[in-house]
Every structure is written in C-alpha cells, then in structure tokens.
Amino acid sequence: SYADSVKGRFTISRDSAKNTVYLQMDTLKPEDTAVYYCSAQSPL
C-alpha cells in the first residue's frame, strides 16, 4: 500500500532471501525531500 502522495512514483518491494525491503523512488519532486525511515512491526 502507498500514500496518495507517492502512488505511481514509488515502489516498495522485498527480497526475502536478503531480508531486505526496498523503496524505489522515481520521478522525485522537491517535496519528497525528507529523512526517510524504515519500520518493522511484530504483534507486540
């Protein structure tokens, strides 16, 4: 799922073998300037 502000420009994907999640960001805009954080959630 994606926020409306990035839908169609950003793509989230995962490589289970590498335990890595990616965020491919295309057609970047000045308003995309920010510090980006990754978060993982478990049940607790």
PDB file of all heavy atoms in Angstrom:
ATOM      1  N   SER A   1       0.848  -1.188   0.000  1.00  0.00           N
ATOM      2  CA  SER A   1       0.000   0.000   0.000  1.00  0.00           C
ATOM      3  C   SER A   1       0.883   1.237   0.000  1.00  0.00           C
ATOM      4  O   SER A   1       2.036   1.193   0.463  1.00  0.00           O
ATOM      5  CB  SER A   1      -0.943   0.007   1.210  1.00  0.00           C
ATOM      6  OG  SER A   1      -0.219  -0.017   2.407  1.00  0.00           O
ATOM      7  N   TYR A   2       0.317   2.320  -0.529  1.00  0.00           N
ATOM      8  CA  TYR A   2       1.085   3.552  -0.708  1.00  0.00           C
ATOM      9  C   TYR A   2       0.265   4.766  -0.288  1.00  0.00           C
ATOM     10  O   TYR A   2      -0.961   4.794  -0.448  1.00  0.00           O
ATOM     11  CB  TYR A   2       1.470   3.725  -2.176  1.00  0.00           C
ATOM     12  CG  TYR A   2       2.331   2.631  -2.735  1.00  0.00           C
ATOM     13  CD1 TYR A   2       1.767   1.516  -3.343  1.00  0.00           C
ATOM     14  CD2 TYR A   2       3.717   2.706  -2.652  1.00  0.00           C
ATOM     15  CE1 TYR A   2       2.560   0.502  -3.857  1.00  0.00           C
ATOM     16  CE2 TYR A   2       4.515   1.702  -3.169  1.00  0.00           C
ATOM     17  CZ  TYR A   2       3.931   0.605  -3.770  1.00  0.00           C
ATOM     18  OH  TYR A   2       4.713  -0.398  -4.273  1.00  0.00           O
ATOM     19  N   ALA A   3       0.962   5.773   0.186  1.00  0.00           N
ATOM     20  CA  ALA A   3       0.325   7.063   0.417  1.00  0.00           C
ATOM     21  C   ALA A   3      -0.020   7.670  -0.946  1.00  0.00           C
ATOM     22  O   ALA A   3       0.688   7.451  -1.933  1.00  0.00           O
ATOM     23  CB  ALA A   3       1.267   7.984   1.188  1.00  0.00           C
ATOM     24  N   ASP A   4      -1.088   8.445  -0.977  1.00  0.00           N
ATOM     25  CA  ASP A   4      -1.511   9.042  -2.247  1.00  0.00           C
ATOM     26  C   ASP A   4      -0.418   9.920  -2.854  1.00  0.00           C
ATOM     27  O   ASP A   4      -0.297  10.013  -4.077  1.00  0.00           O
ATOM     28  CB  ASP A   4      -2.775   9.868  -2.026  1.00  0.00           C
ATOM     29  CG  ASP A   4      -4.002   9.006  -1.802  1.00  0.00           C
ATOM     30  OD1 ASP A   4      -3.964   7.796  -2.127  1.00  0.00           O
ATOM     31  OD2 ASP A   4      -5.001   9.535  -1.284  1.00  0.00           O
ATOM     32  N   SER A   5       0.363  10.549  -2.000  1.00  0.00           N
ATOM     33  CA  SER A   5       1.378  11.487  -2.476  1.00  0.00           C
ATOM     34  C   SER A   5       2.506  10.806  -3.257  1.00  0.00           C
ATOM     35  O   SER A   5       3.224  11.471  -4.002  1.00  0.00           O
ATOM     36  CB  SER A   5       1.971  12.263  -1.296  1.00  0.00           C
ATOM     37  OG  SER A   5       2.540  11.368  -0.362  1.00  0.00           O
ATOM     38  N   VAL A   6       2.664   9.493  -3.091  1.00  0.00           N
ATOM     39  CA  VAL A   6       3.756   8.791  -3.777  1.00  0.00           C
ATOM     40  C   VAL A   6       3.260   7.712  -4.723  1.00  0.00           C
ATOM     41  O   VAL A   6       4.056   7.111  -5.451  1.00  0.00           O
ATOM     42  CB  VAL A   6       4.746   8.174  -2.766  1.00  0.00           C
ATOM     43  CG1 VAL A   6       5.247   9.231  -1.787  1.00  0.00           C
ATOM     44  CG2 VAL A   6       4.123   7.000  -2.023  1.00  0.00           C
ATOM     45  N   LYS A   7       1.968   7.467  -4.721  1.00  0.00           N
ATOM     46  CA  LYS A   7       1.410   6.400  -5.549  1.00  0.00           C
ATOM     47  C   LYS A   7       1.734   6.643  -7.018  1.00  0.00           C
ATOM     48  O   LYS A   7       1.547   7.752  -7.535  1.00  0.00           O
ATOM     49  CB  LYS A   7      -0.098   6.321  -5.319  1.00  0.00           C
ATOM     50  CG  LYS A   7      -0.743   5.019  -5.736  1.00  0.00           C
ATOM     51  CD  LYS A   7      -2.201   4.994  -5.293  1.00  0.00           C
ATOM     52  CE  LYS A   7      -2.330   4.992  -3.789  1.00  0.00           C
ATOM     53  NZ  LYS A   7      -3.753   4.891  -3.348  1.00  0.00           N
ATOM     54  N   GLY A   8       2.214   5.605  -7.663  1.00  0.00           N
ATOM     55  CA  GLY A   8       2.584   5.722  -9.065  1.00  0.00           C
ATOM     56  C   GLY A   8       4.014   6.175  -9.294  1.00  0.00           C
ATOM     57  O   GLY A   8       4.526   6.093 -10.416  1.00  0.00           O
ATOM     58  N   ARG A   9       4.669   6.641  -8.258  1.00  0.00           N
ATOM     59  CA  ARG A   9       6.063   7.091  -8.373  1.00  0.00           C
ATOM     60  C   ARG A   9       7.017   6.242  -7.542  1.00  0.00           C
ATOM     61  O   ARG A   9       8.166   6.042  -7.936  1.00  0.00           O
ATOM     62  CB  ARG A   9       6.186   8.552  -7.940  1.00  0.00           C
ATOM     63  CG  ARG A   9       5.351   9.522  -8.733  1.00  0.00           C
ATOM     64  CD  ARG A   9       5.665  10.961  -8.371  1.00  0.00           C
ATOM     65  NE  ARG A   9       5.373  11.257  -6.965  1.00  0.00           N
ATOM     66  CZ  ARG A   9       6.283  11.663  -6.084  1.00  0.00           C
ATOM     67  NH1 ARG A   9       7.539  11.831  -6.454  1.00  0.00           N
ATOM     68  NH2 ARG A   9       5.934  11.925  -4.835  1.00  0.00           N
ATOM     69  N   PHE A  10       6.553   5.765  -6.412  1.00  0.00           N
ATOM     70  CA  PHE A  10       7.386   4.961  -5.516  1.00  0.00           C
ATOM     71  C   PHE A  10       6.925   3.514  -5.580  1.00  0.00           C
ATOM     72  O   PHE A  10       5.736   3.222  -5.726  1.00  0.00           O
ATOM     73  CB  PHE A  10       7.268   5.448  -4.072  1.00  0.00           C
ATOM     74  CG  PHE A  10       7.910   6.780  -3.787  1.00  0.00           C
ATOM     75  CD1 PHE A  10       8.333   7.626  -4.810  1.00  0.00           C
ATOM     76  CD2 PHE A  10       8.081   7.198  -2.480  1.00  0.00           C
ATOM     77  CE1 PHE A  10       8.913   8.845  -4.544  1.00  0.00           C
ATOM     78  CE2 PHE A  10       8.669   8.416  -2.189  1.00  0.00           C
ATOM     79  CZ  PHE A  10       9.077   9.235  -3.223  1.00  0.00           C
ATOM     80  N   THR A  11       7.877   2.611  -5.419  1.00  0.00           N
ATOM     81  CA  THR A  11       7.574   1.187  -5.399  1.00  0.00           C
ATOM     82  C   THR A  11       8.283   0.533  -4.227  1.00  0.00           C
ATOM     83  O   THR A  11       9.508   0.647  -4.097  1.00  0.00           O
ATOM     84  CB  THR A  11       8.023   0.506  -6.701  1.00  0.00           C
ATOM     85  OG1 THR A  11       7.401   1.151  -7.824  1.00  0.00           O
ATOM     86  CG2 THR A  11       7.623  -0.970  -6.691  1.00  0.00           C
ATOM     87  N   ILE A  12       7.512  -0.140  -3.385  1.00  0.00           N
ATOM     88  CA  ILE A  12       8.085  -0.887  -2.272  1.00  0.00           C
ATOM     89  C   ILE A  12       8.191  -2.347  -2.695  1.00  0.00           C
ATOM     90  O   ILE A  12       7.300  -2.882  -3.362  1.00  0.00           O
ATOM     91  CB  ILE A  12       7.251  -0.726  -0.987  1.00  0.00           C
ATOM     92  CG1 ILE A  12       7.998  -1.302   0.217  1.00  0.00           C
ATOM     93  CG2 ILE A  12       5.869  -1.344  -1.134  1.00  0.00           C
ATOM     94  CD1 ILE A  12       7.340  -0.948   1.555  1.00  0.00           C
ATOM     95  N   SER A  13       9.291  -2.975  -2.345  1.00  0.00           N
ATOM     96  CA  SER A  13       9.481  -4.380  -2.687  1.00  0.00           C
ATOM     97  C   SER A  13      10.320  -5.041  -1.605  1.00  0.00           C
ATOM     98  O   SER A  13      10.912  -4.359  -0.770  1.00  0.00           O
ATOM     99  CB  SER A  13      10.160  -4.526  -4.051  1.00  0.00           C
ATOM    100  OG  SER A  13      11.454  -3.955  -4.028  1.00  0.00           O
ATOM    101  N   ARG A  14      10.358  -6.347  -1.648  1.00  0.00           N
ATOM    102  CA  ARG A  14      11.145  -7.061  -0.645  1.00  0.00           C
ATOM    103  C   ARG A  14      11.874  -8.222  -1.292  1.00  0.00           C
ATOM    104  O   ARG A  14      11.394  -8.824  -2.258  1.00  0.00           O
ATOM    105  CB  ARG A  14      10.241  -7.568   0.484  1.00  0.00           C
ATOM    106  CG  ARG A  14       9.152  -8.513   0.007  1.00  0.00           C
ATOM    107  CD  ARG A  14       8.326  -9.026   1.151  1.00  0.00           C
ATOM    108  NE  ARG A  14       7.351 -10.000   0.667  1.00  0.00           N
ATOM    109  CZ  ARG A  14       6.788 -10.923   1.400  1.00  0.00           C
ATOM    110  NH1 ARG A  14       7.091 -11.016   2.665  1.00  0.00           N
ATOM    111  NH2 ARG A  14       5.910 -11.761   0.892  1.00  0.00           N
ATOM    112  N   ASP A  15      13.026  -8.513  -0.736  1.00  0.00           N
ATOM    113  CA  ASP A  15      13.814  -9.673  -1.131  1.00  0.00           C
ATOM    114  C   ASP A  15      13.935 -10.538   0.120  1.00  0.00           C
ATOM    115  O   ASP A  15      14.758 -10.256   1.003  1.00  0.00           O
ATOM    116  CB  ASP A  15      15.181  -9.231  -1.648  1.00  0.00           C
ATOM    117  CG  ASP A  15      16.010 -10.386  -2.177  1.00  0.00           C
ATOM    118  OD1 ASP A  15      15.815 -11.531  -1.721  1.00  0.00           O
ATOM    119  OD2 ASP A  15      16.878 -10.139  -3.022  1.00  0.00           O
ATOM    120  N   SER A  16      13.108 -11.561   0.201  1.00  0.00           N
ATOM    121  CA  SER A  16      13.081 -12.397   1.395  1.00  0.00           C
ATOM    122  C   SER A  16      14.412 -13.100   1.636  1.00  0.00           C
ATOM    123  O   SER A  16      14.818 -13.290   2.781  1.00  0.00           O
ATOM    124  CB  SER A  16      11.961 -13.428   1.286  1.00  0.00           C
ATOM    125  OG  SER A  16      10.705 -12.793   1.205  1.00  0.00           O
ATOM    126  N   ALA A  17      15.099 -13.452   0.587  1.00  0.00           N
ATOM    127  CA  ALA A  17      16.383 -14.147   0.727  1.00  0.00           C
ATOM    128  C   ALA A  17      17.421 -13.253   1.397  1.00  0.00           C
ATOM    129  O   ALA A  17      18.320 -13.730   2.093  1.00  0.00           O
ATOM    130  CB  ALA A  17      16.878 -14.616  -0.624  1.00  0.00           C
ATOM    131  N   LYS A  18      17.297 -11.957   1.170  1.00  0.00           N
ATOM    132  CA  LYS A  18      18.252 -10.996   1.753  1.00  0.00           C
ATOM    133  C   LYS A  18      17.678 -10.285   2.968  1.00  0.00           C
ATOM    134  O   LYS A  18      18.337  -9.416   3.534  1.00  0.00           O
ATOM    135  CB  LYS A  18      18.663  -9.974   0.695  1.00  0.00           C
ATOM    136  CG  LYS A  18      19.407 -10.558  -0.493  1.00  0.00           C
ATOM    137  CD  LYS A  18      19.818  -9.472  -1.476  1.00  0.00           C
ATOM    138  CE  LYS A  18      20.606 -10.047  -2.634  1.00  0.00           C
ATOM    139  NZ  LYS A  18      21.008  -8.997  -3.604  1.00  0.00           N
ATOM    140  N   ASN A  19      16.431 -10.618   3.343  1.00  0.00           N
ATOM    141  CA  ASN A  19      15.773  -9.945   4.474  1.00  0.00           C
ATOM    142  C   ASN A  19      15.830  -8.432   4.313  1.00  0.00           C
ATOM    143  O   ASN A  19      16.111  -7.689   5.270  1.00  0.00           O
ATOM    144  CB  ASN A  19      16.414 -10.366   5.803  1.00  0.00           C
ATOM    145  CG  ASN A  19      16.246 -11.830   6.086  1.00  0.00           C
ATOM    146  OD1 ASN A  19      15.227 -12.433   5.753  1.00  0.00           O
ATOM    147  ND2 ASN A  19      17.267 -12.432   6.682  1.00  0.00           N
ATOM    148  N   THR A  20      15.566  -7.991   3.110  1.00  0.00           N
ATOM    149  CA  THR A  20      15.699  -6.572   2.790  1.00  0.00           C
ATOM    150  C   THR A  20      14.439  -6.077   2.088  1.00  0.00           C
ATOM    151  O   THR A  20      13.878  -6.770   1.244  1.00  0.00           O
ATOM    152  CB  THR A  20      16.921  -6.331   1.892  1.00  0.00           C
ATOM    153  OG1 THR A  20      18.102  -6.756   2.596  1.00  0.00           O
ATOM    154  CG2 THR A  20      17.078  -4.861   1.539  1.00  0.00           C
ATOM    155  N   VAL A  21      14.032  -4.892   2.475  1.00  0.00           N
ATOM    156  CA  VAL A  21      12.917  -4.202   1.831  1.00  0.00           C
ATOM    157  C   VAL A  21      13.470  -2.950   1.149  1.00  0.00           C
ATOM    158  O   VAL A  21      14.312  -2.257   1.717  1.00  0.00           O
ATOM    159  CB  VAL A  21      11.825  -3.842   2.846  1.00  0.00           C
ATOM    160  CG1 VAL A  21      10.772  -2.947   2.222  1.00  0.00           C
ATOM    161  CG2 VAL A  21      11.180  -5.110   3.401  1.00  0.00           C
ATOM    162  N   TYR A  22      12.993  -2.713  -0.048  1.00  0.00           N
ATOM    163  CA  TYR A  22      13.469  -1.586  -0.838  1.00  0.00           C
ATOM    164  C   TYR A  22      12.362  -0.560  -1.065  1.00  0.00           C
ATOM    165  O   TYR A  22      11.173  -0.901  -1.081  1.00  0.00           O
ATOM    166  CB  TYR A  22      13.972  -2.070  -2.201  1.00  0.00           C
ATOM    167  CG  TYR A  22      15.048  -3.113  -2.122  1.00  0.00           C
ATOM    168  CD1 TYR A  22      14.742  -4.465  -2.223  1.00  0.00           C
ATOM    169  CD2 TYR A  22      16.378  -2.747  -1.943  1.00  0.00           C
ATOM    170  CE1 TYR A  22      15.725  -5.428  -2.152  1.00  0.00           C
ATOM    171  CE2 TYR A  22      17.373  -3.719  -1.857  1.00  0.00           C
ATOM    172  CZ  TYR A  22      17.040  -5.048  -1.966  1.00  0.00           C
ATOM    173  OH  TYR A  22      18.025  -6.006  -1.890  1.00  0.00           O
ATOM    174  N   LEU A  23      12.763   0.660  -1.260  1.00  0.00           N
ATOM    175  CA  LEU A  23      11.844   1.702  -1.699  1.00  0.00           C
ATOM    176  C   LEU A  23      12.466   2.360  -2.927  1.00  0.00           C
ATOM    177  O   LEU A  23      13.443   3.107  -2.800  1.00  0.00           O
ATOM    178  CB  LEU A  23      11.584   2.740  -0.607  1.00  0.00           C
ATOM    179  CG  LEU A  23      10.537   3.792  -0.973  1.00  0.00           C
ATOM    180  CD1 LEU A  23       9.148   3.151  -1.074  1.00  0.00           C
ATOM    181  CD2 LEU A  23      10.511   4.925   0.050  1.00  0.00           C
ATOM    182  N   GLN A  24      11.926   2.022  -4.084  1.00  0.00           N
ATOM    183  CA  GLN A  24      12.373   2.635  -5.312  1.00  0.00           C
ATOM    184  C   GLN A  24      11.580   3.911  -5.517  1.00  0.00           C
ATOM    185  O   GLN A  24      10.352   3.877  -5.571  1.00  0.00           O
ATOM    186  CB  GLN A  24      12.151   1.685  -6.499  1.00  0.00           C
ATOM    187  CG  GLN A  24      12.511   2.268  -7.853  1.00  0.00           C
ATOM    188  CD  GLN A  24      13.987   2.535  -8.000  1.00  0.00           C
ATOM    189  OE1 GLN A  24      14.820   1.753  -7.557  1.00  0.00           O
ATOM    190  NE2 GLN A  24      14.332   3.652  -8.645  1.00  0.00           N
ATOM    191  N   MET A  25      12.292   5.012  -5.632  1.00  0.00           N
ATOM    192  CA  MET A  25      11.637   6.315  -5.742  1.00  0.00           C
ATOM    193  C   MET A  25      11.972   6.914  -7.102  1.00  0.00           C
ATOM    194  O   MET A  25      13.141   7.189  -7.393  1.00  0.00           O
ATOM    195  CB  MET A  25      12.119   7.234  -4.616  1.00  0.00           C
ATOM    196  CG  MET A  25      11.894   6.664  -3.229  1.00  0.00           C
ATOM    197  SD  MET A  25      12.440   7.760  -1.898  1.00  0.00           S
ATOM    198  CE  MET A  25      14.213   7.658  -2.117  1.00  0.00           C
ATOM    199  N   ASP A  26      10.964   7.062  -7.916  1.00  0.00           N
ATOM    200  CA  ASP A  26      11.125   7.620  -9.259  1.00  0.00           C
ATOM    201  C   ASP A  26      10.372   8.945  -9.369  1.00  0.00           C
ATOM    202  O   ASP A  26       9.500   9.245  -8.563  1.00  0.00           O
ATOM    203  CB  ASP A  26      10.598   6.631 -10.302  1.00  0.00           C
ATOM    204  CG  ASP A  26      11.359   5.319 -10.302  1.00  0.00           C
ATOM    205  OD1 ASP A  26      12.603   5.352 -10.172  1.00  0.00           O
ATOM    206  OD2 ASP A  26      10.720   4.262 -10.405  1.00  0.00           O
ATOM    207  N   THR A  27      10.708   9.679 -10.396  1.00  0.00           N
ATOM    208  CA  THR A  27      10.068  10.979 -10.648  1.00  0.00           C
ATOM    209  C   THR A  27      10.021  11.811  -9.367  1.00  0.00           C
ATOM    210  O   THR A  27       8.973  12.338  -8.955  1.00  0.00           O
ATOM    211  CB  THR A  27       8.636  10.790 -11.210  1.00  0.00           C
ATOM    212  OG1 THR A  27       8.622   9.715 -12.157  1.00  0.00           O
ATOM    213  CG2 THR A  27       8.162  12.053 -11.914  1.00  0.00           C
ATOM    214  N   LEU A  28      11.155  11.911  -8.731  1.00  0.00           N
ATOM    215  CA  LEU A  28      11.219  12.610  -7.451  1.00  0.00           C
ATOM    216  C   LEU A  28      10.933  14.097  -7.613  1.00  0.00           C
ATOM    217  O   LEU A  28      11.289  14.715  -8.622  1.00  0.00           O
ATOM    218  CB  LEU A  28      12.580  12.388  -6.807  1.00  0.00           C
ATOM    219  CG  LEU A  28      12.748  11.017  -6.140  1.00  0.00           C
ATOM    220  CD1 LEU A  28      14.210  10.666  -5.952  1.00  0.00           C
ATOM    221  CD2 LEU A  28      12.015  10.993  -4.808  1.00  0.00           C
ATOM    222  N   LYS A  29      10.297  14.636  -6.589  1.00  0.00           N
ATOM    223  CA  LYS A  29       9.921  16.037  -6.550  1.00  0.00           C
ATOM    224  C   LYS A  29      10.602  16.712  -5.358  1.00  0.00           C
ATOM    225  O   LYS A  29      10.928  16.034  -4.377  1.00  0.00           O
ATOM    226  CB  LYS A  29       8.404  16.181  -6.412  1.00  0.00           C
ATOM    227  CG  LYS A  29       7.595  15.454  -7.476  1.00  0.00           C
ATOM    228  CD  LYS A  29       6.109  15.569  -7.173  1.00  0.00           C
ATOM    229  CE  LYS A  29       5.262  14.838  -8.202  1.00  0.00           C
ATOM    230  NZ  LYS A  29       3.809  14.942  -7.902  1.00  0.00           N
ATOM    231  N   PRO A  30      10.773  18.018  -5.402  1.00  0.00           N
ATOM    232  CA  PRO A  30      11.363  18.706  -4.243  1.00  0.00           C
ATOM    233  C   PRO A  30      10.607  18.424  -2.947  1.00  0.00           C
ATOM    234  O   PRO A  30      11.236  18.339  -1.884  1.00  0.00           O
ATOM    235  CB  PRO A  30      11.283  20.179  -4.651  1.00  0.00           C
ATOM    236  CG  PRO A  30      11.356  20.161  -6.143  1.00  0.00           C
ATOM    237  CD  PRO A  30      10.598  18.929  -6.550  1.00  0.00           C
ATOM    238  N   GLU A  31       9.307  18.257  -3.040  1.00  0.00           N
ATOM    239  CA  GLU A  31       8.521  17.985  -1.832  1.00  0.00           C
ATOM    240  C   GLU A  31       8.742  16.588  -1.267  1.00  0.00           C
ATOM    241  O   GLU A  31       8.225  16.262  -0.199  1.00  0.00           O
ATOM    242  CB  GLU A  31       7.028  18.215  -2.082  1.00  0.00           C
ATOM    243  CG  GLU A  31       6.471  17.509  -3.295  1.00  0.00           C
ATOM    244  CD  GLU A  31       6.421  18.419  -4.513  1.00  0.00           C
ATOM    245  OE1 GLU A  31       7.395  19.171  -4.758  1.00  0.00           O
ATOM    246  OE2 GLU A  31       5.412  18.347  -5.240  1.00  0.00           O
ATOM    247  N   ASP A  32       9.487  15.763  -1.970  1.00  0.00           N
ATOM    248  CA  ASP A  32       9.866  14.452  -1.430  1.00  0.00           C
ATOM    249  C   ASP A  32      11.089  14.554  -0.513  1.00  0.00           C
ATOM    250  O   ASP A  32      11.467  13.561   0.121  1.00  0.00           O
ATOM    251  CB  ASP A  32      10.183  13.476  -2.561  1.00  0.00           C
ATOM    252  CG  ASP A  32       8.971  13.134  -3.412  1.00  0.00           C
ATOM    253  OD1 ASP A  32       7.887  12.933  -2.838  1.00  0.00           O
ATOM    254  OD2 ASP A  32       9.118  13.077  -4.644  1.00  0.00           O
ATOM    255  N   THR A  33      11.681  15.718  -0.449  1.00  0.00           N
ATOM    256  CA  THR A  33      12.836  15.914   0.427  1.00  0.00           C
ATOM    257  C   THR A  33      12.458  15.671   1.877  1.00  0.00           C
ATOM    258  O   THR A  33      11.505  16.256   2.387  1.00  0.00           O
ATOM    259  CB  THR A  33      13.384  17.343   0.272  1.00  0.00           C
ATOM    260  OG1 THR A  33      13.876  17.508  -1.062  1.00  0.00           O
ATOM    261  CG2 THR A  33      14.504  17.612   1.261  1.00  0.00           C
ATOM    262  N   ALA A  34      13.172  14.766   2.512  1.00  0.00           N
ATOM    263  CA  ALA A  34      12.863  14.388   3.894  1.00  0.00           C
ATOM    264  C   ALA A  34      13.901  13.387   4.369  1.00  0.00           C
ATOM    265  O   ALA A  34      14.702  12.875   3.575  1.00  0.00           O
ATOM    266  CB  ALA A  34      11.469  13.766   3.981  1.00  0.00           C
ATOM    267  N   VAL A  35      13.851  13.111   5.645  1.00  0.00           N
ATOM    268  CA  VAL A  35      14.574  11.967   6.191  1.00  0.00           C
ATOM    269  C   VAL A  35      13.627  10.779   6.130  1.00  0.00           C
ATOM    270  O   VAL A  35      12.494  10.852   6.629  1.00  0.00           O
ATOM    271  CB  VAL A  35      15.039  12.217   7.630  1.00  0.00           C
ATOM    272  CG1 VAL A  35      15.734  10.980   8.178  1.00  0.00           C
ATOM    273  CG2 VAL A  35      15.965  13.423   7.687  1.00  0.00           C
ATOM    274  N   TYR A  36      14.083   9.709   5.517  1.00  0.00           N
ATOM    275  CA  TYR A  36      13.265   8.514   5.335  1.00  0.00           C
ATOM    276  C   TYR A  36      13.657   7.447   6.352  1.00  0.00           C
ATOM    277  O   TYR A  36      14.849   7.181   6.561  1.00  0.00           O
ATOM    278  CB  TYR A  36      13.431   7.980   3.922  1.00  0.00           C
ATOM    279  CG  TYR A  36      12.677   8.794   2.901  1.00  0.00           C
ATOM    280  CD1 TYR A  36      13.097  10.082   2.566  1.00  0.00           C
ATOM    281  CD2 TYR A  36      11.525   8.303   2.282  1.00  0.00           C
ATOM    282  CE1 TYR A  36      12.395  10.845   1.651  1.00  0.00           C
ATOM    283  CE2 TYR A  36      10.823   9.059   1.358  1.00  0.00           C
ATOM    284  CZ  TYR A  36      11.266  10.345   1.050  1.00  0.00           C
ATOM    285  OH  TYR A  36      10.565  11.099   0.144  1.00  0.00           O
ATOM    286  N   TYR A  37      12.639   6.829   6.939  1.00  0.00           N
ATOM    287  CA  TYR A  37      12.840   5.810   7.963  1.00  0.00           C
ATOM    288  C   TYR A  37      12.159   4.510   7.558  1.00  0.00           C
ATOM    289  O   TYR A  37      11.099   4.516   6.931  1.00  0.00           O
ATOM    290  CB  TYR A  37      12.250   6.260   9.297  1.00  0.00           C
ATOM    291  CG  TYR A  37      12.858   7.517   9.879  1.00  0.00           C
ATOM    292  CD1 TYR A  37      12.346   8.760   9.568  1.00  0.00           C
ATOM    293  CD2 TYR A  37      13.945   7.438  10.755  1.00  0.00           C
ATOM    294  CE1 TYR A  37      12.895   9.910  10.098  1.00  0.00           C
ATOM    295  CE2 TYR A  37      14.497   8.590  11.293  1.00  0.00           C
ATOM    296  CZ  TYR A  37      13.971   9.817  10.956  1.00  0.00           C
ATOM    297  OH  TYR A  37      14.526  10.957  11.487  1.00  0.00           O
ATOM    298  N   CYS A  38      12.772   3.431   7.972  1.00  0.00           N
ATOM    299  CA  CYS A  38      12.187   2.114   7.789  1.00  0.00           C
ATOM    300  C   CYS A  38      11.648   1.634   9.143  1.00  0.00           C
ATOM    301  O   CYS A  38      12.282   1.861  10.174  1.00  0.00           O
ATOM    302  CB  CYS A  38      13.277   1.165   7.282  1.00  0.00           C
ATOM    303  SG  CYS A  38      12.829  -0.563   7.225  1.00  0.00           S
ATOM    304  N   SER A  39      10.505   0.985   9.125  1.00  0.00           N
ATOM    305  CA  SER A  39       9.917   0.465  10.360  1.00  0.00           C
ATOM    306  C   SER A  39       9.388  -0.934  10.129  1.00  0.00           C
ATOM    307  O   SER A  39       8.806  -1.223   9.082  1.00  0.00           O
ATOM    308  CB  SER A  39       8.774   1.370  10.811  1.00  0.00           C
ATOM    309  OG  SER A  39       8.146   0.835  11.956  1.00  0.00           O
ATOM    310  N   ALA A  40       9.589  -1.788  11.110  1.00  0.00           N
ATOM    311  CA  ALA A  40       9.056  -3.152  11.058  1.00  0.00           C
ATOM    312  C   ALA A  40       8.186  -3.388  12.273  1.00  0.00           C
ATOM    313  O   ALA A  40       8.518  -2.949  13.380  1.00  0.00           O
ATOM    314  CB  ALA A  40      10.194  -4.171  11.027  1.00  0.00           C
ATOM    315  N   GLN A  41       7.082  -4.060  12.051  1.00  0.00           N
ATOM    316  CA  GLN A  41       6.153  -4.312  13.154  1.00  0.00           C
ATOM    317  C   GLN A  41       5.953  -5.806  13.354  1.00  0.00           C
ATOM    318  O   GLN A  41       5.796  -6.562  12.395  1.00  0.00           O
ATOM    319  CB  GLN A  41       4.815  -3.654  12.859  1.00  0.00           C
ATOM    320  CG  GLN A  41       4.877  -2.143  12.792  1.00  0.00           C
ATOM    321  CD  GLN A  41       3.519  -1.520  12.581  1.00  0.00           C
ATOM    322  OE1 GLN A  41       2.502  -2.055  13.005  1.00  0.00           O
ATOM    323  NE2 GLN A  41       3.483  -0.389  11.910  1.00  0.00           N
ATOM    324  N   SER A  42       5.945  -6.201  14.613  1.00  0.00           N
ATOM    325  CA  SER A  42       5.537  -7.541  15.004  1.00  0.00           C
ATOM    326  C   SER A  42       4.267  -7.378  15.829  1.00  0.00           C
ATOM    327  O   SER A  42       3.862  -6.254  16.118  1.00  0.00           O
ATOM    328  CB  SER A  42       6.651  -8.207  15.813  1.00  0.00           C
ATOM    329  OG  SER A  42       6.786  -7.573  17.063  1.00  0.00           O
ATOM    330  N   PRO A  43       3.643  -8.465  16.236  1.00  0.00           N
ATOM    331  CA  PRO A  43       2.396  -8.332  17.012  1.00  0.00           C
ATOM    332  C   PRO A  43       2.549  -7.503  18.286  1.00  0.00           C
ATOM    333  O   PRO A  43       1.576  -6.896  18.745  1.00  0.00           O
ATOM    334  CB  PRO A  43       2.033  -9.780  17.320  1.00  0.00           C
ATOM    335  CG  PRO A  43       2.569 -10.541  16.159  1.00  0.00           C
ATOM    336  CD  PRO A  43       3.877  -9.860  15.820  1.00  0.00           C
ATOM    337  N   LEU A  44       3.740  -7.456  18.843  1.00  0.00           N
ATOM    338  CA  LEU A  44       3.903  -6.771  20.127  1.00  0.00           C
ATOM    339  C   LEU A  44       4.830  -5.565  20.067  1.00  0.00           C
ATOM    340  O   LEU A  44       4.847  -4.776  21.011  1.00  0.00           O
ATOM    341  CB  LEU A  44       4.430  -7.752  21.179  1.00  0.00           C
ATOM    342  CG  LEU A  44       3.510  -8.919  21.554  1.00  0.00           C
ATOM    343  CD1 LEU A  44       4.179  -9.820  22.571  1.00  0.00           C
ATOM    344  CD2 LEU A  44       2.182  -8.404  22.095  1.00  0.00           C
TER     345      LEU A  44
END
